[in-house]
Amino acid sequence: MLTSPGDISGDGRPDLIARHASTGTVYLYKGTSTGKLAARVKLYDNWKGYKKIVGVGDITGDGRPDLLAQDTANTLWRYNGKGDGTFAARAKVFANWGGSYNAVVGLGDITDDGRPDLVSRDTSGNVWRNSGDGKGSFGSRTQIASGWSGYKSLT
């Protein structure tokens, strides 16, 4: 799993979050001025209980990128970026959310309201948007496309 919420380390360069497949360990790879990634820094152990981890940009409106994680019980959690390469303790966004979703991405502000949105695809190939509220959550889903079951992923 690879995702990028943006510049979580506060140095002005986009960073990468990676989860090791077998251990579930989550690492931060800071972007550098040379176009390479810095050595990894361990953030969390054993995140195997999360089905999806999604970099979504700043969904809380505090100027720092955030991370979403969906657990196996389909609870969606938010990890607020602290601006120093770490995240605050998780906060529940939704319970019983997205059990039929096989792809979830943070695409930025697709509704042009100044707040990042969330886009998901379900197992039937329908694509949904949850509009960001700018306070760390999202509105109810709205279908924005169908017939997308032939694509392997959304990015």
Protein backbone atom coordinates (compact mmCIF):
# COMPACT_ATOMS: atom_id res chain seq x y z
CA MET A 1 0.00 0.00 0.00
CA LEU A 2 1.31 3.41 -1.02
CA THR A 3 -0.42 6.75 -0.58
CA SER A 4 0.48 10.40 -0.38
CA PRO A 5 -1.56 12.83 1.71
CA GLY A 6 0.81 15.66 0.68
CA ASP A 7 3.52 17.35 2.75
CA ILE A 8 3.02 15.78 6.17
CA SER A 9 6.52 16.62 7.40
CA GLY A 10 6.13 20.38 6.97
CA ASP A 11 9.20 20.87 4.76
CA GLY A 12 7.32 21.96 1.63
CA ARG A 13 7.78 18.66 -0.24
CA PRO A 14 5.22 15.89 -0.77
CA ASP A 15 5.79 12.74 1.27
CA LEU A 16 4.90 9.09 0.82
CA ILE A 17 3.22 6.71 3.27
CA ALA A 18 3.78 2.96 2.80
CA ARG A 19 2.43 -0.08 4.61
CA HIS A 20 4.45 -3.29 4.50
CA ALA A 21 2.24 -6.12 3.25
CA SER A 22 3.31 -8.88 5.62
CA THR A 23 3.91 -6.94 8.85
CA GLY A 24 1.42 -4.09 8.53
CA THR A 25 4.13 -1.63 9.61
CA VAL A 26 3.51 1.90 8.32
CA TYR A 27 6.43 4.04 7.21
CA LEU A 28 6.93 7.66 6.23
CA TYR A 29 9.24 8.42 3.32
CA LYS A 30 9.95 12.17 3.24
CA GLY A 31 10.34 13.84 -0.13
CA THR A 32 13.71 15.54 -0.71
CA SER A 33 14.99 18.42 -2.84
CA THR A 34 16.86 15.91 -5.04
CA GLY A 35 13.66 14.19 -6.18
CA LYS A 36 14.44 11.09 -4.15
CA LEU A 37 12.92 9.79 -0.94
CA ALA A 38 14.66 9.98 2.43
CA ALA A 39 15.21 6.85 4.52
CA ARG A 40 12.00 5.47 5.94
CA VAL A 41 10.75 6.39 9.40
CA LYS A 42 8.43 3.98 11.21
CA LEU A 43 5.09 5.52 12.18
CA TYR A 44 2.97 2.55 13.29
CA ASP A 45 3.24 -1.19 13.91
CA ASN A 46 0.74 -3.80 12.74
CA TRP A 47 -1.83 -1.87 10.72
CA LYS A 48 -3.01 -5.14 9.13
CA GLY A 49 -6.49 -4.47 10.57
CA TYR A 50 -7.02 -1.69 8.03
CA LYS A 51 -8.46 -2.65 4.64
CA LYS A 52 -7.69 0.73 3.10
CA ILE A 53 -5.39 3.65 3.95
CA VAL A 54 -5.94 6.80 1.93
CA GLY A 55 -4.05 10.08 1.78
CA VAL A 56 -6.68 12.79 1.45
CA GLY A 57 -4.92 16.14 1.84
CA ASP A 58 -6.13 18.63 4.43
CA ILE A 59 -9.71 17.60 5.22
CA THR A 60 -9.78 19.32 8.63
CA GLY A 61 -8.99 22.84 7.38
CA ASP A 62 -5.93 23.30 9.61
CA GLY A 63 -3.40 23.48 6.75
CA ARG A 64 -1.92 20.01 7.40
CA PRO A 65 -2.60 16.87 5.33
CA ASP A 66 -4.58 14.05 6.91
CA LEU A 67 -4.97 10.31 6.47
CA LEU A 68 -8.05 8.07 6.39
CA ALA A 69 -8.11 4.37 7.29
CA GLN A 70 -10.97 1.89 6.92
CA ASP A 71 -10.87 -1.07 9.28
CA THR A 72 -12.25 -4.56 8.75
CA ALA A 73 -15.47 -3.62 10.57
CA ASN A 74 -15.94 -0.85 7.94
CA THR A 75 -15.36 1.99 10.36
CA LEU A 76 -13.67 4.95 8.69
CA TRP A 77 -11.05 6.66 10.87
CA ARG A 78 -9.26 9.99 10.41
CA TYR A 79 -5.68 10.63 11.46
CA ASN A 80 -5.05 14.38 11.65
CA GLY A 81 -1.63 15.42 10.38
CA LYS A 82 0.42 17.29 12.98
CA GLY A 83 2.71 19.00 10.44
CA ASP A 84 5.86 17.30 11.73
CA GLY A 85 5.63 13.94 9.94
CA THR A 86 3.33 12.36 12.53
CA PHE A 87 -0.40 12.05 13.09
CA ALA A 88 -2.68 12.62 16.07
CA ALA A 89 -4.71 9.78 17.57
CA ARG A 90 -7.45 8.51 15.32
CA ALA A 91 -10.97 9.96 15.29
CA LYS A 92 -14.06 8.15 13.98
CA VAL A 93 -15.53 9.61 10.80
CA PHE A 94 -18.18 6.99 9.93
CA ALA A 95 -19.31 3.61 11.25
CA ASN A 96 -20.48 0.94 8.81
CA TRP A 97 -19.02 2.80 5.85
CA GLY A 98 -17.97 1.51 2.46
CA GLY A 99 -18.22 -2.24 2.95
CA SER A 100 -18.85 -2.69 -0.79
CA TYR A 101 -16.05 -0.33 -1.86
CA ASN A 102 -13.07 -1.91 -3.59
CA ALA A 103 -11.28 1.39 -4.27
CA VAL A 104 -11.15 4.67 -2.34
CA VAL A 105 -9.10 7.74 -3.28
CA GLY A 106 -8.64 11.28 -2.07
CA LEU A 107 -8.62 13.26 -5.32
CA GLY A 108 -8.65 16.74 -3.89
CA ASP A 109 -11.45 19.24 -4.42
CA ILE A 110 -13.50 17.92 -7.34
CA THR A 111 -16.59 19.97 -6.41
CA ASP A 112 -14.70 23.30 -6.54
CA ASP A 113 -15.83 24.38 -3.07
CA GLY A 114 -12.35 24.62 -1.55
CA ARG A 115 -12.60 21.35 0.43
CA PRO A 116 -11.07 17.95 -0.46
CA ASP A 117 -13.52 15.22 -1.44
CA LEU A 118 -13.46 11.44 -1.31
CA VAL A 119 -14.17 9.20 -4.33
CA SER A 120 -15.00 5.49 -4.03
CA ARG A 121 -15.92 2.64 -6.35
CA ASP A 122 -18.17 -0.23 -5.29
CA THR A 123 -18.04 -3.83 -6.44
CA SER A 124 -20.75 -3.15 -9.05
CA GLY A 125 -18.58 -0.53 -10.76
CA ASN A 126 -20.48 2.52 -9.48
CA VAL A 127 -18.36 5.54 -8.54
CA TRP A 128 -19.39 7.67 -5.58
CA ARG A 129 -18.34 11.04 -4.20
CA ASN A 130 -18.47 12.12 -0.57
CA SER A 131 -18.02 15.90 -0.49
CA GLY A 132 -15.68 17.15 2.21
CA ASP A 133 -17.11 19.47 4.85
CA GLY A 134 -13.76 21.14 5.66
CA LYS A 135 -14.01 20.02 9.29
CA GLY A 136 -12.69 16.47 8.95
CA SER A 137 -15.79 14.67 7.69
CA PHE A 138 -17.85 14.21 4.56
CA GLY A 139 -21.41 14.53 3.38
CA SER A 140 -23.53 11.63 2.19
CA ARG A 141 -22.47 9.87 -0.97
CA THR A 142 -23.55 10.92 -4.46
CA GLN A 143 -23.16 8.65 -7.48
CA ILE A 144 -20.98 10.30 -10.11
CA ALA A 145 -20.38 7.44 -12.60
CA SER A 146 -21.16 3.81 -13.39
CA GLY A 147 -19.60 1.04 -15.46
CA TRP A 148 -16.16 1.29 -13.84
CA SER A 149 -15.83 -2.37 -12.83
CA GLY A 150 -13.31 -3.03 -15.60
CA TYR A 151 -10.65 -0.84 -14.01
CA LYS A 152 -8.20 -2.41 -11.57
CA SER A 153 -7.93 0.65 -9.31
CA LEU A 154 -8.60 4.35 -8.98
CA THR A 155 -5.69 6.75 -8.47
